[in-house]
C-alpha atoms as a PDB file:
ATOM      1  CA  MET A   1     -15.159  21.240   1.319  1.00  0.00           C
ATOM      2  CA  ALA A   2     -11.718  22.125  -0.474  1.00  0.00           C
ATOM      3  CA  GLY A   3     -12.850  21.172  -3.994  1.00  0.00           C
ATOM      4  CA  ASP A   4     -11.806  21.640  -7.564  1.00  0.00           C
ATOM      5  CA  HIS A   5     -12.919  21.677 -10.739  1.00  0.00           C
ATOM      6  CA  PHE A   6     -13.180  17.937 -10.899  1.00  0.00           C
ATOM      7  CA  ILE A   7     -14.387  16.991  -7.216  1.00  0.00           C
ATOM      8  CA  ARG A   8     -16.951  19.872  -6.962  1.00  0.00           C
ATOM      9  CA  PRO A   9     -17.595  21.445  -4.027  1.00  0.00           C
ATOM     10  CA  ARG A  10     -21.340  22.095  -4.427  1.00  0.00           C
ATOM     11  CA  ALA A  11     -21.783  18.194  -5.685  1.00  0.00           C
ATOM     12  CA  VAL A  12     -19.926  17.230  -1.908  1.00  0.00           C
ATOM     13  CA  SER A  13     -22.206  19.657  -0.314  1.00  0.00           C
ATOM     14  CA  GLY A  14     -25.149  18.405  -1.938  1.00  0.00           C
ATOM     15  CA  ALA A  15     -24.431  15.020  -1.184  1.00  0.00           C
ATOM     16  CA  LEU A  16     -23.726  15.543   2.439  1.00  0.00           C
ATOM     17  CA  ARG A  17     -26.912  17.244   3.347  1.00  0.00           C
ATOM     18  CA  GLU A  18     -28.465  14.448   1.719  1.00  0.00           C
ATOM     19  CA  ALA A  19     -26.716  12.082   3.725  1.00  0.00           C
ATOM     20  CA  LEU A  20     -26.542  14.149   6.942  1.00  0.00           C
ATOM     21  CA  GLY A  21     -29.570  16.528   7.095  1.00  0.00           C
ATOM     22  CA  ASP A  22     -29.893  20.472   6.097  1.00  0.00           C
ATOM     23  CA  HIS A  23     -28.626  21.280   9.597  1.00  0.00           C
ATOM     24  CA  ILE A  24     -24.886  20.955   8.750  1.00  0.00           C
ATOM     25  CA  ALA A  25     -22.934  24.066   7.790  1.00  0.00           C
ATOM     26  CA  VAL A  26     -20.528  23.841   4.816  1.00  0.00           C
ATOM     27  CA  THR A  27     -17.741  25.915   3.819  1.00  0.00           C
ATOM     28  CA  GLU A  28     -17.192  25.654  -0.177  1.00  0.00           C
ATOM     29  CA  LEU A  29     -13.622  26.476  -1.530  1.00  0.00           C
ATOM     30  CA  VAL A  30     -12.404  25.700  -5.130  1.00  0.00           C
ATOM     31  CA  GLY A  31      -8.967  25.269  -6.028  1.00  0.00           C
ATOM     32  CA  PRO A  32      -7.212  25.763  -9.497  1.00  0.00           C
ATOM     33  CA  TRP A  33      -6.862  22.095 -10.310  1.00  0.00           C
ATOM     34  CA  PRO A  34      -6.763  20.529 -13.014  1.00  0.00           C
ATOM     35  CA  ILE A  35      -6.924  24.183 -14.808  1.00  0.00           C
ATOM     36  CA  GLU A  36      -3.403  24.306 -13.262  1.00  0.00           C
ATOM     37  CA  PRO A  37      -1.284  20.772 -12.835  1.00  0.00           C
ATOM     38  CA  PHE A  38      -0.696  20.026  -9.015  1.00  0.00           C
ATOM     39  CA  GLY A  39       3.063  19.900  -7.281  1.00  0.00           C
ATOM     40  CA  THR A  40       4.725  20.279  -3.873  1.00  0.00           C
ATOM     41  CA  VAL A  41       3.282  22.329  -1.407  1.00  0.00           C
ATOM     42  CA  ALA A  42       5.804  22.618   1.416  1.00  0.00           C
ATOM     43  CA  GLU A  43       6.546  19.207   2.826  1.00  0.00           C
ATOM     44  CA  VAL A  44       3.436  17.454   0.859  1.00  0.00           C
ATOM     45  CA  SER A  45       3.006  16.455  -2.711  1.00  0.00           C
ATOM     46  CA  GLU A  46       0.694  16.179  -5.449  1.00  0.00           C
ATOM     47  CA  ALA A  47      -1.165  19.079  -3.939  1.00  0.00           C
ATOM     48  CA  SER A  48      -2.919  22.304  -5.175  1.00  0.00           C
ATOM     49  CA  GLY A  49      -4.318  25.270  -3.533  1.00  0.00           C
ATOM     50  CA  ASP A  50      -3.114  28.196  -1.249  1.00  0.00           C
ATOM     51  CA  GLU A  51      -1.955  27.174   2.516  1.00  0.00           C
ATOM     52  CA  ASP A  52      -3.368  30.682   3.751  1.00  0.00           C
ATOM     53  CA  GLU A  53      -6.611  30.321   1.944  1.00  0.00           C
ATOM     54  CA  LEU A  54      -7.175  26.732   3.775  1.00  0.00           C
ATOM     55  CA  ILE A  55      -6.304  28.703   7.071  1.00  0.00           C
ATOM     56  CA  SER A  56      -8.238  31.499   7.181  1.00  0.00           C
ATOM     57  CA  ASN A  57     -11.369  29.250   6.512  1.00  0.00           C
ATOM     58  CA  LEU A  58     -10.430  26.037   8.632  1.00  0.00           C
ATOM     59  CA  PRO A  59     -11.175  27.512  12.144  1.00  0.00           C
ATOM     60  CA  GLY A  60     -14.449  26.064  13.774  1.00  0.00           C
ATOM     61  CA  VAL A  61     -14.203  23.488  10.846  1.00  0.00           C
ATOM     62  CA  GLU A  62     -14.575  19.895  12.611  1.00  0.00           C
ATOM     63  CA  ILE A  63     -14.534  17.639   8.910  1.00  0.00           C
ATOM     64  CA  ALA A  64     -12.698  18.379   6.157  1.00  0.00           C
ATOM     65  CA  ILE A  65     -12.986  16.957   2.628  1.00  0.00           C
ATOM     66  CA  THR A  66     -10.827  17.737  -0.274  1.00  0.00           C
ATOM     67  CA  GLN A  67      -8.861  16.343  -3.095  1.00  0.00           C
ATOM     68  CA  MET A  68      -6.173  18.208  -3.597  1.00  0.00           C
ATOM     69  CA  ALA A  69      -5.860  21.041  -1.074  1.00  0.00           C
ATOM     70  CA  PRO A  70      -2.155  21.114   0.941  1.00  0.00           C
ATOM     71  CA  PHE A  71      -2.729  20.014   4.334  1.00  0.00           C
ATOM     72  CA  THR A  72       0.524  21.048   5.570  1.00  0.00           C
ATOM     73  CA  ALA A  73       1.784  20.892   8.721  1.00  0.00           C
ATOM     74  CA  ARG A  74       1.228  24.885   8.945  1.00  0.00           C
ATOM     75  CA  VAL A  75      -2.487  24.347   7.721  1.00  0.00           C
ATOM     76  CA  LEU A  76      -3.035  21.895  10.124  1.00  0.00           C
ATOM     77  CA  ALA A  77      -1.720  23.802  12.942  1.00  0.00           C
ATOM     78  CA  GLY A  78      -4.140  26.310  11.958  1.00  0.00           C
ATOM     79  CA  ALA A  79      -7.063  24.019  12.058  1.00  0.00           C
ATOM     80  CA  PRO A  80      -7.806  23.666  16.123  1.00  0.00           C
ATOM     81  CA  ASP A  81     -11.432  21.987  15.781  1.00  0.00           C
ATOM     82  CA  LEU A  82     -10.404  19.813  12.625  1.00  0.00           C
ATOM     83  CA  ARG A  83     -11.239  16.228  13.728  1.00  0.00           C
ATOM     84  CA  LEU A  84     -11.636  14.410  10.332  1.00  0.00           C
ATOM     85  CA  LEU A  85      -9.856  14.889   7.171  1.00  0.00           C
ATOM     86  CA  VAL A  86     -11.375  12.635   4.293  1.00  0.00           C
ATOM     87  CA  VAL A  87      -8.878  12.699   0.981  1.00  0.00           C
ATOM     88  CA  THR A  88     -11.172  11.718  -1.974  1.00  0.00           C
ATOM     89  CA  ARG A  89      -7.896   9.995  -3.863  1.00  0.00           C
ATOM     90  CA  GLY A  90      -6.668   6.668  -3.437  1.00  0.00           C
ATOM     91  CA  GLY A  91      -3.900   7.649  -0.807  1.00  0.00           C
ATOM     92  CA  PRO A  92      -3.737  10.910   1.030  1.00  0.00           C
ATOM     93  CA  VAL A  93      -0.370  12.176  -0.524  1.00  0.00           C
ATOM     94  CA  ASN A  94      -1.292  15.802  -0.038  1.00  0.00           C
ATOM     95  CA  VAL A  95      -1.474  15.481   3.924  1.00  0.00           C
ATOM     96  CA  ASN A  96       0.886  15.637   6.767  1.00  0.00           C
ATOM     97  CA  LEU A  97       0.126  12.511   8.249  1.00  0.00           C
ATOM     98  CA  GLU A  98       2.219  12.514  11.224  1.00  0.00           C
ATOM     99  CA  GLU A  99       1.297  16.090  11.952  1.00  0.00           C
ATOM    100  CA  ALA A 100      -2.413  15.182  11.620  1.00  0.00           C
ATOM    101  CA  ALA A 101      -1.602  12.257  14.126  1.00  0.00           C
ATOM    102  CA  ALA A 102       0.205  14.097  16.347  1.00  0.00           C
ATOM    103  CA  ARG A 103      -3.042  16.392  16.516  1.00  0.00           C
ATOM    104  CA  GLY A 104      -5.387  13.770  16.879  1.00  0.00           C
ATOM    105  CA  ILE A 105      -7.190  14.337  13.457  1.00  0.00           C
ATOM    106  CA  ALA A 106      -8.454  10.923  11.622  1.00  0.00           C
ATOM    107  CA  VAL A 107      -7.676  10.919   8.062  1.00  0.00           C
ATOM    108  CA  SER A 108      -9.382   8.765   5.378  1.00  0.00           C
ATOM    109  CA  CYS A 109      -9.164   8.273   1.739  1.00  0.00           C
ATOM    110  CA  THR A 110     -11.294   6.978  -1.190  1.00  0.00           C
ATOM    111  CA  PRO A 111      -9.005   3.674  -2.504  1.00  0.00           C
ATOM    112  CA  GLY A 112     -10.410   2.140  -5.987  1.00  0.00           C
ATOM    113  CA  ARG A 113     -12.292   5.350  -6.875  1.00  0.00           C
ATOM    114  CA  ASN A 114     -10.728   5.582  -9.864  1.00  0.00           C
ATOM    115  CA  ALA A 115     -10.148   1.702 -10.633  1.00  0.00           C
ATOM    116  CA  PRO A 116     -12.252   1.198 -13.298  1.00  0.00           C
ATOM    117  CA  ALA A 117     -10.968   4.155 -15.399  1.00  0.00           C
ATOM    118  CA  ALA A 118      -7.302   3.918 -15.036  1.00  0.00           C
ATOM    119  CA  ALA A 119      -8.086   0.161 -16.038  1.00  0.00           C
ATOM    120  CA  GLU A 120      -9.750   1.062 -18.899  1.00  0.00           C
ATOM    121  CA  LEU A 121      -7.299   3.693 -19.981  1.00  0.00           C
ATOM    122  CA  ALA A 122      -4.660   1.099 -19.555  1.00  0.00           C
ATOM    123  CA  VAL A 123      -6.709  -1.590 -21.792  1.00  0.00           C
ATOM    124  CA  ALA A 124      -7.156   1.202 -24.297  1.00  0.00           C
ATOM    125  CA  LEU A 125      -3.153   2.496 -24.453  1.00  0.00           C
ATOM    126  CA  THR A 126      -2.413  -1.136 -24.853  1.00  0.00           C
ATOM    127  CA  LEU A 127      -4.763  -1.835 -27.834  1.00  0.00           C
ATOM    128  CA  ALA A 128      -3.993   1.421 -29.366  1.00  0.00           C
ATOM    129  CA  VAL A 129      -0.182   1.000 -29.560  1.00  0.00           C
ATOM    130  CA  LEU A 130      -0.621  -2.633 -30.760  1.00  0.00           C
ATOM    131  CA  ARG A 131      -2.635  -1.899 -33.305  1.00  0.00           C
ATOM    132  CA  ARG A 132      -0.761   1.698 -33.997  1.00  0.00           C
ATOM    133  CA  LEU A 133      -3.996   3.800 -34.120  1.00  0.00           C
ATOM    134  CA  LYS A 134      -2.428   6.909 -33.649  1.00  0.00           C
ATOM    135  CA  ASP A 135      -0.405   6.675 -36.851  1.00  0.00           C
ATOM    136  CA  VAL A 136      -3.291   4.922 -38.710  1.00  0.00           C
ATOM    137  CA  HIS A 137      -5.558   7.769 -37.691  1.00  0.00           C
ATOM    138  CA  ALA A 138      -3.102  10.364 -38.870  1.00  0.00           C
ATOM    139  CA  THR A 139      -2.977   8.824 -42.729  1.00  0.00           C
ATOM    140  CA  MET A 140      -6.955   9.259 -42.372  1.00  0.00           C
ATOM    141  CA  ALA A 141      -7.155  12.931 -41.477  1.00  0.00           C
ATOM    142  CA  ALA A 142      -4.444  13.349 -44.024  1.00  0.00           C
ATOM    143  CA  GLY A 143      -6.938  12.218 -46.796  1.00  0.00           C
ATOM    144  CA  GLU A 144      -5.036   9.028 -47.329  1.00  0.00           C
ATOM    145  CA  TRP A 145      -6.075   5.432 -47.574  1.00  0.00           C
ATOM    146  CA  ARG A 146      -3.147   3.292 -46.780  1.00  0.00           C
ATOM    147  CA  SER A 147      -4.595  -0.169 -47.607  1.00  0.00           C
ATOM    148  CA  ASP A 148      -0.282  -1.100 -47.856  1.00  0.00           C
ATOM    149  CA  LEU A 149      -0.603  -1.026 -43.838  1.00  0.00           C
ATOM    150  CA  TYR A 150      -2.245  -4.523 -44.110  1.00  0.00           C
ATOM    151  CA  ALA A 151       1.509  -5.431 -45.299  1.00  0.00           C
ATOM    152  CA  TYR A 152       2.639  -8.179 -42.517  1.00  0.00           C
ATOM    153  CA  ASP A 153       5.816  -6.123 -41.846  1.00  0.00           C
ATOM    154  CA  ARG A 154       3.653  -3.111 -41.297  1.00  0.00           C
ATOM    155  CA  CYS A 155       0.463  -4.211 -39.687  1.00  0.00           C
ATOM    156  CA  GLY A 156       0.154  -4.576 -35.808  1.00  0.00           C
ATOM    157  CA  GLY A 157      -0.094  -7.343 -33.079  1.00  0.00           C
ATOM    158  CA  GLU A 158      -3.245  -8.566 -31.208  1.00  0.00           C
ATOM    159  CA  LEU A 159      -3.683  -9.646 -27.264  1.00  0.00           C
ATOM    160  CA  ASP A 160      -4.751 -13.397 -28.591  1.00  0.00           C
ATOM    161  CA  GLY A 161      -1.998 -15.888 -27.486  1.00  0.00           C
ATOM    162  CA  THR A 162       0.469 -13.322 -26.357  1.00  0.00           C
ATOM    163  CA  GLU A 163       2.124 -13.401 -22.935  1.00  0.00           C
ATOM    164  CA  VAL A 164       1.021 -10.086 -21.158  1.00  0.00           C
ATOM    165  CA  GLY A 165       2.943  -8.932 -18.074  1.00  0.00           C
ATOM    166  CA  ILE A 166       0.918  -7.190 -14.981  1.00  0.00           C
ATOM    167  CA  VAL A 167       3.139  -5.237 -12.574  1.00  0.00           C
ATOM    168  CA  GLY A 168       1.167  -4.823  -9.271  1.00  0.00           C
ATOM    169  CA  PHE A 169      -1.892  -6.785  -8.542  1.00  0.00           C
ATOM    170  CA  GLY A 170      -4.044  -4.041  -6.928  1.00  0.00           C
ATOM    171  CA  ALA A 171      -7.348  -3.030  -7.810  1.00  0.00           C
ATOM    172  CA  ILE A 172      -6.401  -1.527 -11.088  1.00  0.00           C
ATOM    173  CA  GLY A 173      -4.036  -4.448 -11.767  1.00  0.00           C
ATOM    174  CA  ARG A 174      -6.712  -6.899 -11.234  1.00  0.00           C
ATOM    175  CA  ARG A 175      -9.204  -5.317 -13.580  1.00  0.00           C
ATOM    176  CA  VAL A 176      -6.313  -5.016 -16.686  1.00  0.00           C
ATOM    177  CA  ALA A 177      -5.425  -8.502 -15.981  1.00  0.00           C
ATOM    178  CA  ALA A 178      -8.888  -9.857 -16.288  1.00  0.00           C
ATOM    179  CA  VAL A 179      -9.389  -7.827 -19.406  1.00  0.00           C
ATOM    180  CA  PHE A 180      -6.401  -9.199 -21.031  1.00  0.00           C
ATOM    181  CA  ASP A 181      -7.572 -12.390 -19.876  1.00  0.00           C
ATOM    182  CA  ALA A 182     -11.037 -12.254 -21.684  1.00  0.00           C
ATOM    183  CA  LEU A 183      -9.393 -11.341 -24.805  1.00  0.00           C
ATOM    184  CA  GLY A 184      -7.049 -14.313 -24.643  1.00  0.00           C
ATOM    185  CA  ALA A 185      -3.635 -13.121 -23.751  1.00  0.00           C
ATOM    186  CA  ARG A 186      -1.625 -15.385 -21.517  1.00  0.00           C
ATOM    187  CA  VAL A 187      -1.562 -13.074 -17.879  1.00  0.00           C
ATOM    188  CA  LEU A 188       1.659 -12.916 -15.867  1.00  0.00           C
ATOM    189  CA  VAL A 189       1.716 -11.235 -12.731  1.00  0.00           C
ATOM    190  CA  ALA A 190       4.496  -9.875 -10.349  1.00  0.00           C
ATOM    191  CA  ASP A 191       3.318  -8.724  -7.278  1.00  0.00           C
ATOM    192  CA  PRO A 192       5.395  -9.150  -4.115  1.00  0.00           C
ATOM    193  CA  PHE A 193       2.230  -9.112  -1.789  1.00  0.00           C
ATOM    194  CA  ALA A 194       0.054 -11.292  -3.924  1.00  0.00           C
ATOM    195  CA  ASP A 195       0.012 -14.931  -2.994  1.00  0.00           C
ATOM    196  CA  SER A 196      -2.083 -16.242  -5.745  1.00  0.00           C
ATOM    197  CA  VAL A 197      -3.695 -15.268  -8.997  1.00  0.00           C
ATOM    198  CA  PRO A 198      -7.058 -16.448 -11.185  1.00  0.00           C
ATOM    199  CA  GLU A 199      -7.163 -19.387 -12.896  1.00  0.00           C
ATOM    200  CA  GLY A 200      -5.447 -19.097 -16.058  1.00  0.00           C
ATOM    201  CA  MET A 201      -2.978 -16.711 -14.937  1.00  0.00           C
ATOM    202  CA  THR A 202       0.422 -17.198 -13.569  1.00  0.00           C
ATOM    203  CA  LEU A 203       2.361 -15.478 -10.542  1.00  0.00           C
ATOM    204  CA  VAL A 204       6.001 -15.075 -11.892  1.00  0.00           C
ATOM    205  CA  GLY A 205       9.000 -12.849 -10.343  1.00  0.00           C
ATOM    206  CA  PRO A 206       9.499  -9.493 -11.852  1.00  0.00           C
ATOM    207  CA  ALA A 207      12.827 -10.734 -13.710  1.00  0.00           C
ATOM    208  CA  GLU A 208      10.364 -13.639 -15.460  1.00  0.00           C
ATOM    209  CA  LEU A 209       7.937 -11.245 -16.073  1.00  0.00           C
ATOM    210  CA  LEU A 210      10.078  -8.782 -18.099  1.00  0.00           C
ATOM    211  CA  ASP A 211      11.743 -11.631 -20.106  1.00  0.00           C
ATOM    212  CA  ARG A 212       8.494 -13.389 -21.189  1.00  0.00           C
ATOM    213  CA  SER A 213       5.919 -10.429 -21.519  1.00  0.00           C
ATOM    214  CA  GLN A 214       5.362  -8.871 -25.063  1.00  0.00           C
ATOM    215  CA  VAL A 215       3.379  -6.118 -23.489  1.00  0.00           C
ATOM    216  CA  VAL A 216       4.264  -4.856 -19.762  1.00  0.00           C
ATOM    217  CA  SER A 217       1.647  -2.849 -17.888  1.00  0.00           C
ATOM    218  CA  LEU A 218       2.451  -1.418 -14.656  1.00  0.00           C
ATOM    219  CA  HIS A 219       0.371  -0.827 -11.600  1.00  0.00           C
ATOM    220  CA  ALA A 220       2.370  -0.573  -8.501  1.00  0.00           C
ATOM    221  CA  ARG A 221       2.674   2.244  -6.307  1.00  0.00           C
ATOM    222  CA  LEU A 222       5.431   4.527  -6.085  1.00  0.00           C
ATOM    223  CA  THR A 223       7.687   3.772  -3.185  1.00  0.00           C
ATOM    224  CA  PRO A 224      11.140   4.245  -2.225  1.00  0.00           C
ATOM    225  CA  GLU A 225      11.529   0.718  -3.126  1.00  0.00           C
ATOM    226  CA  THR A 226       9.560   1.046  -6.499  1.00  0.00           C
ATOM    227  CA  HIS A 227      11.355   4.428  -7.719  1.00  0.00           C
ATOM    228  CA  GLY A 228      13.076   3.568 -10.683  1.00  0.00           C
ATOM    229  CA  MET A 229      11.969  -0.329 -10.881  1.00  0.00           C
ATOM    230  CA  ILE A 230      12.030  -0.363 -14.929  1.00  0.00           C
ATOM    231  CA  GLY A 231      15.499   1.413 -15.870  1.00  0.00           C
ATOM    232  CA  GLY A 232      17.819   0.546 -18.578  1.00  0.00           C
ATOM    233  CA  ALA A 233      18.774  -3.220 -17.782  1.00  0.00           C
ATOM    234  CA  GLU A 234      15.024  -4.095 -17.188  1.00  0.00           C
ATOM    235  CA  LEU A 235      14.214  -2.755 -20.755  1.00  0.00           C
ATOM    236  CA  ALA A 236      17.031  -4.771 -22.406  1.00  0.00           C
ATOM    237  CA  ARG A 237      15.889  -7.712 -20.778  1.00  0.00           C
ATOM    238  CA  MET A 238      12.068  -7.662 -22.652  1.00  0.00           C
ATOM    239  CA  PRO A 239      11.740  -9.124 -25.980  1.00  0.00           C
ATOM    240  CA  GLU A 240      12.578  -7.216 -29.007  1.00  0.00           C
ATOM    241  CA  GLY A 241       9.536  -5.281 -30.115  1.00  0.00           C
ATOM    242  CA  ALA A 242       7.587  -5.344 -26.856  1.00  0.00           C
ATOM    243  CA  VAL A 243       5.344  -2.832 -25.444  1.00  0.00           C
ATOM    244  CA  LEU A 244       5.434  -0.858 -22.266  1.00  0.00           C
ATOM    245  CA  VAL A 245       2.517   0.848 -20.540  1.00  0.00           C
ATOM    246  CA  ASN A 246       2.489   3.100 -17.588  1.00  0.00           C
ATOM    247  CA  THR A 247      -0.623   4.298 -16.026  1.00  0.00           C
ATOM    248  CA  ALA A 248       0.641   4.229 -12.355  1.00  0.00           C
ATOM    249  CA  ARG A 249       3.331   6.898 -11.714  1.00  0.00           C
ATOM    250  CA  GLY A 250       6.117   7.967 -13.869  1.00  0.00           C
ATOM    251  CA  ALA A 251       8.817   7.809 -11.527  1.00  0.00           C
ATOM    252  CA  LEU A 252       8.470   3.589 -11.695  1.00  0.00           C
ATOM    253  CA  VAL A 253      10.283   4.378 -15.070  1.00  0.00           C
ATOM    254  CA  ASP A 254      13.611   5.455 -15.987  1.00  0.00           C
ATOM    255  CA  THR A 255      12.525   8.058 -18.530  1.00  0.00           C
ATOM    256  CA  ASP A 256      15.889   8.654 -20.117  1.00  0.00           C
ATOM    257  CA  ALA A 257      16.202   4.509 -20.481  1.00  0.00           C
ATOM    258  CA  LEU A 258      12.891   4.147 -22.351  1.00  0.00           C
ATOM    259  CA  THR A 259      13.433   7.318 -24.435  1.00  0.00           C
ATOM    260  CA  SER A 260      16.630   5.212 -25.470  1.00  0.00           C
ATOM    261  CA  ALA A 261      15.266   2.036 -25.533  1.00  0.00           C
ATOM    262  CA  LEU A 262      12.091   3.179 -28.002  1.00  0.00           C
ATOM    263  CA  LYS A 263      14.651   5.228 -30.298  1.00  0.00           C
ATOM    264  CA  SER A 264      16.888   2.154 -30.657  1.00  0.00           C
ATOM    265  CA  GLY A 265      13.341   0.302 -31.668  1.00  0.00           C
ATOM    266  CA  HIS A 266      14.333  -2.118 -29.236  1.00  0.00           C
ATOM    267  CA  LEU A 267      11.003  -1.294 -27.637  1.00  0.00           C
ATOM    268  CA  GLY A 268       7.985  -1.597 -30.126  1.00  0.00           C
ATOM    269  CA  GLY A 269       6.049   1.062 -28.537  1.00  0.00           C
ATOM    270  CA  ALA A 270       4.827   2.702 -25.437  1.00  0.00           C
ATOM    271  CA  GLY A 271       1.393   3.740 -23.894  1.00  0.00           C
ATOM    272  CA  LEU A 272       2.144   6.490 -21.454  1.00  0.00           C
ATOM    273  CA  ASP A 273      -0.326   8.542 -18.873  1.00  0.00           C
ATOM    274  CA  VAL A 274       2.183   9.502 -16.474  1.00  0.00           C
ATOM    275  CA  TYR A 275       5.985  11.018 -16.547  1.00  0.00           C
ATOM    276  CA  ASP A 276       8.959  11.947 -14.417  1.00  0.00           C
ATOM    277  CA  PRO A 277       8.705  14.897 -14.156  1.00  0.00           C
ATOM    278  CA  GLU A 278       5.111  16.319 -14.489  1.00  0.00           C
ATOM    279  CA  PRO A 279       4.187  18.145 -16.745  1.00  0.00           C
ATOM    280  CA  LEU A 280       6.413  16.629 -19.382  1.00  0.00           C
ATOM    281  CA  PRO A 281       8.489  19.486 -20.935  1.00  0.00           C
ATOM    282  CA  ALA A 282       7.357  20.726 -24.154  1.00  0.00           C
ATOM    283  CA  ASP A 283      10.695  20.101 -25.962  1.00  0.00           C
ATOM    284  CA  HIS A 284      10.911  16.464 -24.245  1.00  0.00           C
ATOM    285  CA  PRO A 285      12.084  13.676 -26.812  1.00  0.00           C
ATOM    286  CA  LEU A 286       9.499  11.584 -26.051  1.00  0.00           C
ATOM    287  CA  ARG A 287       6.903  14.124 -27.756  1.00  0.00           C
ATOM    288  CA  ALA A 288       8.999  13.770 -31.172  1.00  0.00           C
ATOM    289  CA  LEU A 289       8.971   9.631 -31.374  1.00  0.00           C
ATOM    290  CA  PRO A 290       6.441   7.950 -33.345  1.00  0.00           C
ATOM    291  CA  ASN A 291       5.965   4.689 -31.658  1.00  0.00           C
ATOM    292  CA  VAL A 292       4.743   6.209 -28.432  1.00  0.00           C
ATOM    293  CA  LEU A 293       1.470   7.134 -27.633  1.00  0.00           C
ATOM    294  CA  LEU A 294       0.973  10.315 -24.829  1.00  0.00           C
ATOM    295  CA  VAL A 295      -1.836  11.263 -22.522  1.00  0.00           C
ATOM    296  CA  PRO A 296      -1.394  14.026 -19.733  1.00  0.00           C
ATOM    297  CA  HIS A 297      -2.403  12.097 -16.886  1.00  0.00           C
ATOM    298  CA  LEU A 298      -5.989  11.661 -17.337  1.00  0.00           C
ATOM    299  CA  ALA A 299      -6.420   7.691 -16.402  1.00  0.00           C
ATOM    300  CA  GLY A 300      -8.920   8.696 -13.630  1.00  0.00           C
ATOM    301  CA  ALA A 301     -10.388  11.305 -15.429  1.00  0.00           C
ATOM    302  CA  THR A 302     -14.589  10.104 -15.747  1.00  0.00           C
ATOM    303  CA  ARG A 303     -17.429  11.683 -14.126  1.00  0.00           C
ATOM    304  CA  GLN A 304     -18.107   8.226 -12.487  1.00  0.00           C
ATOM    305  CA  THR A 305     -14.521   8.667 -10.852  1.00  0.00           C
ATOM    306  CA  ALA A 306     -15.652  11.966  -9.368  1.00  0.00           C
ATOM    307  CA  ASP A 307     -19.096  10.558  -8.699  1.00  0.00           C
ATOM    308  CA  ARG A 308     -17.780   7.555  -6.690  1.00  0.00           C
ATOM    309  CA  ALA A 309     -14.952   9.546  -4.513  1.00  0.00           C
ATOM    310  CA  ILE A 310     -17.774  11.918  -3.222  1.00  0.00           C
ATOM    311  CA  ARG A 311     -20.216   8.940  -2.363  1.00  0.00           C
ATOM    312  CA  MET A 312     -17.264   6.845  -0.751  1.00  0.00           C
ATOM    313  CA  ALA A 313     -16.013  10.561   0.833  1.00  0.00           C
ATOM    314  CA  VAL A 314     -19.636  11.164   2.238  1.00  0.00           C
ATOM    315  CA  GLU A 315     -20.195   7.540   3.684  1.00  0.00           C
ATOM    316  CA  GLU A 316     -16.874   8.036   6.074  1.00  0.00           C
ATOM    317  CA  VAL A 317     -18.217  11.244   6.850  1.00  0.00           C
ATOM    318  CA  ALA A 318     -21.519   9.495   7.767  1.00  0.00           C
ATOM    319  CA  ARG A 319     -19.652   6.754   9.937  1.00  0.00           C
ATOM    320  CA  TRP A 320     -17.569   9.207  11.776  1.00  0.00           C
ATOM    321  CA  THR A 321     -20.830  11.250  12.933  1.00  0.00           C
ATOM    322  CA  ALA A 322     -22.251   8.008  13.962  1.00  0.00           C
ATOM    323  CA  GLY A 323     -19.523   6.895  16.169  1.00  0.00           C
ATOM    324  CA  GLU A 324     -18.734   3.948  13.423  1.00  0.00           C
ATOM    325  CA  PRO A 325     -15.359   2.602  12.670  1.00  0.00           C
ATOM    326  CA  LEU A 326     -14.085   4.387   9.339  1.00  0.00           C
ATOM    327  CA  ALA A 327     -13.863   2.077   6.359  1.00  0.00           C
ATOM    328  CA  TYR A 328     -10.734   3.838   4.640  1.00  0.00           C
ATOM    329  CA  GLY A 329      -9.113   5.081   7.777  1.00  0.00           C
ATOM    330  CA  VAL A 330      -5.143   5.300   7.338  1.00  0.00           C
ATOM    331  CA  SER A 331      -4.057   7.740  10.204  1.00  0.00           C
ATOM    332  CA  GLY A 332      -5.286   8.752  13.852  1.00  0.00           C
ATOM    333  CA  PRO A 333      -8.564   7.629  15.582  1.00  0.00           C
ATOM    334  CA  ARG A 334     -10.730   5.434  13.592  1.00  0.00           C
ATOM    335  CA  ARG A 335     -14.014   6.554  15.107  1.00  0.00           C
ATOM    336  CA  ARG A 336     -15.280   9.547  16.740  1.00  0.00           C
ATOM    337  CA  SER A 337     -15.974   9.223  20.942  1.00  0.00           C
ATOM    338  CA  ARG A 338     -19.176   9.709  21.580  1.00  0.00           C
END
């Protein structure tokens, strides 16, 4: 169990023993994330931990569970007995999948484990930016009572009756869309993989979504096709004073173009949880803009997310040991041979 300070090794070990029995032997490692930011380790991204520490603990290990540990080609080469690797994240970006497949190692993950948390933060950022809560709080903290903020040209907006665009209609995007719909927004959805949307929502192309939406919330996966999908031209299409919310991946957006659109006032505001690069440099101009609400990549940071990820991972291990198909397998054999 190569855990960290979010997916705690003792919690995973306890859940494993409860599911499989006390006869199992578990080696527990604690990585530095999130006390230290993740990054690139050798050829894998969004990883945290030391390759040598992993290698020294993997001989004899048949099943590994991790959140951020770097399962690089070098690490996998040092794990001759490994048969199953479960990553407690939506995708195993910290695993060299080609090498795992070549070695016959099944790889699984825990998709959707942070969907409720990420969706709730996206909604919270949207409401906070629309109602300018950061600035309003600052006036109260300064001892002021700014009733003048009720003036028409100083107050914020609301979701009811507002056209809101959801880019990406996966587990998180669907939840955000449902909340916006419940609050009376007119929800537009753009996703090349979505054939239909619930009644009351409208499936549109990305250009139409940008043209019409006063709020755009990003929930697309980062791929070569989506990298930089929101650049200067796309931001210019958005209505004057519109709001952009990004809780997906920072590289979906051209950061320089976003900064310019916010400085010029073309965009009314932005709520951001993710950045390109990460960590966001201390002197980055986004930090100084009054119309931006910034969160340091905490969308999934709830105890329920951690508990859900552990439960899903342990269930995958139980399926594997029973010779059943994996529910979330992404590479290699999907079941243990009996």
